[in-house]
């Protein structure tokens, strides 16, 4: 897990071969300005994951929850409200608690349509600053991001091959100069080192410079990375997801002598101290 600041976006999962894949593919494709990983919690890939079955039906739990003791979704109880018509974005602009957890619904297509994922729409490749058109503001939705991450943790536990779950085919995906987040990519310094990155580095790298130079922006759909949040999704810090990713890290990645401690944000810290007093810790 990588985090320089709790308020900054960062990767919470990097598959073992993600870095070699994007670097080797960039070397093998001199016509590419960059090769990006397949990023979980990304507007383009969110839409594809919804339609290829990678997103699973989860909804927030209204009950007060504490820090989790396991990252495994199999330990979660089922969501109690199985009769919900749909998730109301307008009524759920904020998490219910400072440590909100999400609970699974039975994995059926109709249940998936009740969840935030059902509001995914294809990004508009021709827009300016407002590039993505999502119903009721997916682009800043903590809820859609939370469902995306819970689905990912579910697959981490149950899938025989996590890369295959998210794979969009054996070939590289060509963005054709549509905007794509630059959270995790390989790029040659000579292609961008002396270039103007206005109005933003993301627009410049994914849309403008490649078009000017006749070079492609490629995505390796099997180089899997999970990106926790980008700026408008900051309310994800009011979920238990960071704690779950840390539990996964300590169980699967770090050895006994290299266990990581949970770093509490100011939001989490107040909830944590309150919880300790309640339990007399």
Foldseek 3Di string as FASTA:
>chain_A
DDDPDLQAWAFLDFDPCLVVVQVVVCVVAVLAQWEFEQEQPWLALLLVLLVLVLFFQKDKDLDDDDQDPALELVPADAHPCQPQQADDCVVPQAHNFLAIEIHHDPGDPNSNCRAPSVQRDHWAQPDDPRTGDTPPDPQLGLRSLNSRLNSLSNCVPPPPQSLVSQAPDQDKDWPQQGFTDPRGMDGDCVQPVPHDCPPHVRSCSRHNSSVVVSGTYIYRRSRYIYMRDHNSNSSNSSHNSQSSSLNCCQVPPDDPVDRDDDDRDPSRVVVNVVVCVVVVD
